[in-house]
Amino acid sequence: MPELVPPTPRVRDSYVTAIGEYQAAGSHRKPRYDAVLAGGFDAHLEQLALDATEWSARRRRADVPQTTLWWVDGARFLGEIRVRHRLTDELRRAGGHIGYDLRPSARGQGHGGPMLAAALPVAAGLGIECALLTVEAANTPSRRMIEKAGGLLWQTEDGRLRYWLPTC
């Protein structure tokens, strides 16, 4: 049964394989992935933990603390969800409070909704009563997932939709 957990060495091999899937699909050109593939998995886990702290020297989006959690099934990495502790103007436009990715081989299998539902109490615990989620208008699976979770469309601008989603 899949569960949402802090990044863990338990899924190292599967995570590395997922990076290969992302790259083969032409997505996720994250600089950290090169470091992970070069043997820096443990350092990556440490940085993800630091990213959740206020005092970290972040290299992440918009320089706000964010909690990263992984959707795993045993030793298999299925995806990740990031809960940003607060918003900046940039994150209000694109990014929002919650961002998520499923590895290509796990898409279309019903993982997105449960992963998002499992992250909502985390957001609530950070004091986020209503989370902003942004999605490209063309991303129909994500739009459906957010709407099914109770997300309310707030704005449409530049091909991007913005939803508010209650966290409790």
Protein backbone atom coordinates (compact mmCIF):
# COMPACT_ATOMS: atom_id res chain seq x y z
CA MET A 1 0.00 0.00 0.00
CA PRO A 2 1.56 3.34 -1.01
CA GLU A 3 2.33 5.88 1.70
CA LEU A 4 3.69 9.42 1.96
CA VAL A 5 7.03 9.47 3.77
CA PRO A 6 10.01 11.77 4.23
CA PRO A 7 12.71 11.13 1.61
CA THR A 8 14.34 7.83 2.55
CA PRO A 9 17.34 5.74 1.53
CA ARG A 10 14.95 2.76 1.39
CA VAL A 11 14.01 3.70 -2.18
CA ARG A 12 17.46 4.74 -3.46
CA ASP A 13 17.60 2.34 -6.42
CA SER A 14 14.03 3.06 -7.46
CA TYR A 15 14.57 6.81 -7.15
CA VAL A 16 17.63 6.67 -9.40
CA THR A 17 15.62 4.64 -11.94
CA ALA A 18 12.84 7.26 -11.75
CA ILE A 19 15.35 10.02 -12.57
CA GLY A 20 16.19 8.07 -15.71
CA GLU A 21 12.47 7.89 -16.56
CA TYR A 22 12.05 11.64 -16.08
CA GLN A 23 15.06 12.36 -18.26
CA ALA A 24 13.96 9.92 -20.98
CA ALA A 25 10.58 11.67 -21.01
CA GLY A 26 12.35 15.01 -21.49
CA SER A 27 11.24 16.44 -18.17
CA HIS A 28 12.77 17.33 -14.85
CA ARG A 29 16.10 18.74 -15.84
CA LYS A 30 16.85 19.49 -12.21
CA PRO A 31 20.54 20.13 -11.52
CA ARG A 32 20.30 18.06 -8.34
CA TYR A 33 19.53 14.98 -10.41
CA ASP A 34 22.99 15.07 -11.98
CA ALA A 35 24.50 15.06 -8.49
CA VAL A 36 22.28 12.14 -7.41
CA LEU A 37 23.29 10.14 -10.48
CA ALA A 38 26.94 10.89 -9.73
CA GLY A 39 26.56 9.23 -6.30
CA GLY A 40 25.22 12.13 -4.26
CA PHE A 41 21.97 10.53 -3.10
CA ASP A 42 22.72 10.95 0.63
CA ALA A 43 23.63 14.61 0.15
CA HIS A 44 20.38 15.05 -1.78
CA LEU A 45 18.40 13.64 1.15
CA GLU A 46 20.21 16.00 3.53
CA GLN A 47 19.45 19.01 1.30
CA LEU A 48 15.78 18.08 1.04
CA ALA A 49 15.59 17.99 4.85
CA LEU A 50 17.35 21.37 5.07
CA ASP A 51 14.97 22.85 2.50
CA ALA A 52 12.18 22.55 5.08
CA THR A 53 14.02 24.79 7.53
CA GLU A 54 13.79 28.55 7.65
CA TRP A 55 17.54 29.05 7.96
CA SER A 56 18.71 26.83 5.09
CA ALA A 57 20.78 28.28 2.27
CA ARG A 58 18.22 27.20 -0.29
CA ARG A 59 18.76 26.61 -3.97
CA ARG A 60 15.10 25.94 -4.46
CA ARG A 61 12.18 27.75 -6.04
CA ALA A 62 11.55 31.26 -4.71
CA ASP A 63 13.61 30.73 -1.56
CA VAL A 64 10.83 29.66 0.78
CA PRO A 65 10.96 26.67 3.08
CA GLN A 66 9.37 23.58 1.57
CA THR A 67 8.71 20.13 2.92
CA THR A 68 9.34 17.35 0.40
CA LEU A 69 7.62 14.00 0.85
CA TRP A 70 7.85 10.88 -1.28
CA TRP A 71 4.99 8.62 -2.34
CA VAL A 72 6.40 5.11 -2.02
CA ASP A 73 5.19 1.54 -2.11
CA GLY A 74 7.67 -0.53 -0.13
CA ALA A 75 11.03 0.07 -1.81
CA ARG A 76 9.47 1.60 -4.94
CA PHE A 77 9.54 5.38 -5.41
CA LEU A 78 6.32 6.50 -7.14
CA GLY A 79 6.44 10.28 -6.88
CA GLU A 80 7.08 13.33 -4.78
CA ILE A 81 5.07 16.18 -3.38
CA ARG A 82 6.42 19.49 -2.16
CA VAL A 83 4.57 21.68 0.35
CA ARG A 84 5.84 25.26 0.33
CA HIS A 85 5.39 26.84 3.72
CA ARG A 86 4.37 30.23 2.35
CA LEU A 87 3.90 32.03 -0.95
CA THR A 88 5.85 34.70 -2.76
CA ASP A 89 4.51 36.71 -5.69
CA GLU A 90 6.29 34.29 -8.04
CA LEU A 91 4.72 31.25 -6.38
CA ARG A 92 1.28 32.87 -6.52
CA ARG A 93 1.68 33.04 -10.30
CA ALA A 94 3.20 29.59 -10.83
CA GLY A 95 3.97 26.93 -8.25
CA GLY A 96 1.56 27.55 -5.40
CA HIS A 97 1.76 25.89 -2.00
CA ILE A 98 1.81 22.35 -3.34
CA GLY A 99 3.68 20.87 -6.28
CA TYR A 100 3.84 17.21 -7.21
CA ASP A 101 5.28 14.78 -9.70
CA LEU A 102 4.64 11.13 -10.40
CA ARG A 103 7.33 9.15 -12.14
CA PRO A 104 6.30 8.36 -15.71
CA SER A 105 5.78 4.63 -15.05
CA ALA A 106 3.41 5.42 -12.13
CA ARG A 107 1.17 7.85 -14.00
CA GLY A 108 -2.40 6.93 -14.86
CA GLN A 109 -2.59 4.39 -12.03
CA GLY A 110 -4.58 6.43 -9.51
CA HIS A 111 -1.66 7.54 -7.34
CA GLY A 112 -2.04 11.31 -7.71
CA GLY A 113 -5.27 11.76 -5.76
CA PRO A 114 -4.24 9.72 -2.72
CA MET A 115 -0.79 11.38 -2.70
CA LEU A 116 -2.38 14.84 -2.72
CA ALA A 117 -4.91 13.84 -0.04
CA ALA A 118 -2.09 12.54 2.17
CA ALA A 119 -0.23 15.87 1.84
CA LEU A 120 -3.16 18.07 2.89
CA PRO A 121 -2.77 17.35 6.64
CA VAL A 122 0.93 18.25 6.29
CA ALA A 123 -0.06 21.61 4.79
CA ALA A 124 -2.65 22.12 7.53
CA GLY A 125 0.03 21.38 10.14
CA LEU A 126 2.10 24.19 8.65
CA GLY A 127 -0.80 26.61 9.18
CA ILE A 128 -2.00 26.57 5.56
CA GLU A 129 -5.80 26.54 5.75
CA CYS A 130 -6.33 26.71 2.01
CA ALA A 131 -3.52 25.67 -0.35
CA LEU A 132 -2.95 27.32 -3.70
CA LEU A 133 -2.24 24.88 -6.52
CA THR A 134 -1.35 26.02 -10.02
CA VAL A 135 -1.51 23.90 -13.14
CA GLU A 136 -1.10 24.40 -16.85
CA ALA A 137 -4.52 24.50 -18.48
CA ALA A 138 -3.48 21.71 -20.87
CA ASN A 139 -2.64 19.34 -17.98
CA THR A 140 -6.03 17.65 -17.84
CA PRO A 141 -5.04 14.83 -15.44
CA SER A 142 -3.78 17.32 -12.83
CA ARG A 143 -6.81 19.55 -13.28
CA ARG A 144 -9.15 16.61 -12.71
CA MET A 145 -7.18 15.44 -9.69
CA ILE A 146 -7.26 18.89 -8.05
CA GLU A 147 -10.97 19.31 -8.77
CA LYS A 148 -11.78 15.83 -7.46
CA ALA A 149 -9.90 16.70 -4.25
CA GLY A 150 -12.15 19.74 -3.78
CA GLY A 151 -10.05 22.42 -5.45
CA LEU A 152 -11.98 25.52 -6.47
CA LEU A 153 -10.89 27.34 -9.61
CA TRP A 154 -9.88 30.89 -8.71
CA GLN A 155 -8.06 32.33 -11.72
CA THR A 156 -7.04 31.59 -15.26
CA GLU A 157 -4.12 33.52 -16.67
CA ASP A 158 -1.44 32.91 -19.31
CA GLY A 159 -2.53 29.30 -19.84
CA ARG A 160 -2.28 28.55 -16.12
CA LEU A 161 -5.13 27.74 -13.74
CA ARG A 162 -5.04 28.59 -10.04
CA TYR A 163 -7.06 26.59 -7.54
CA TRP A 164 -7.66 26.94 -3.81
CA LEU A 165 -7.88 23.64 -1.99
CA PRO A 166 -8.97 23.40 1.67
CA THR A 167 -6.46 21.43 3.74
CA CYS A 168 -8.89 20.12 6.35
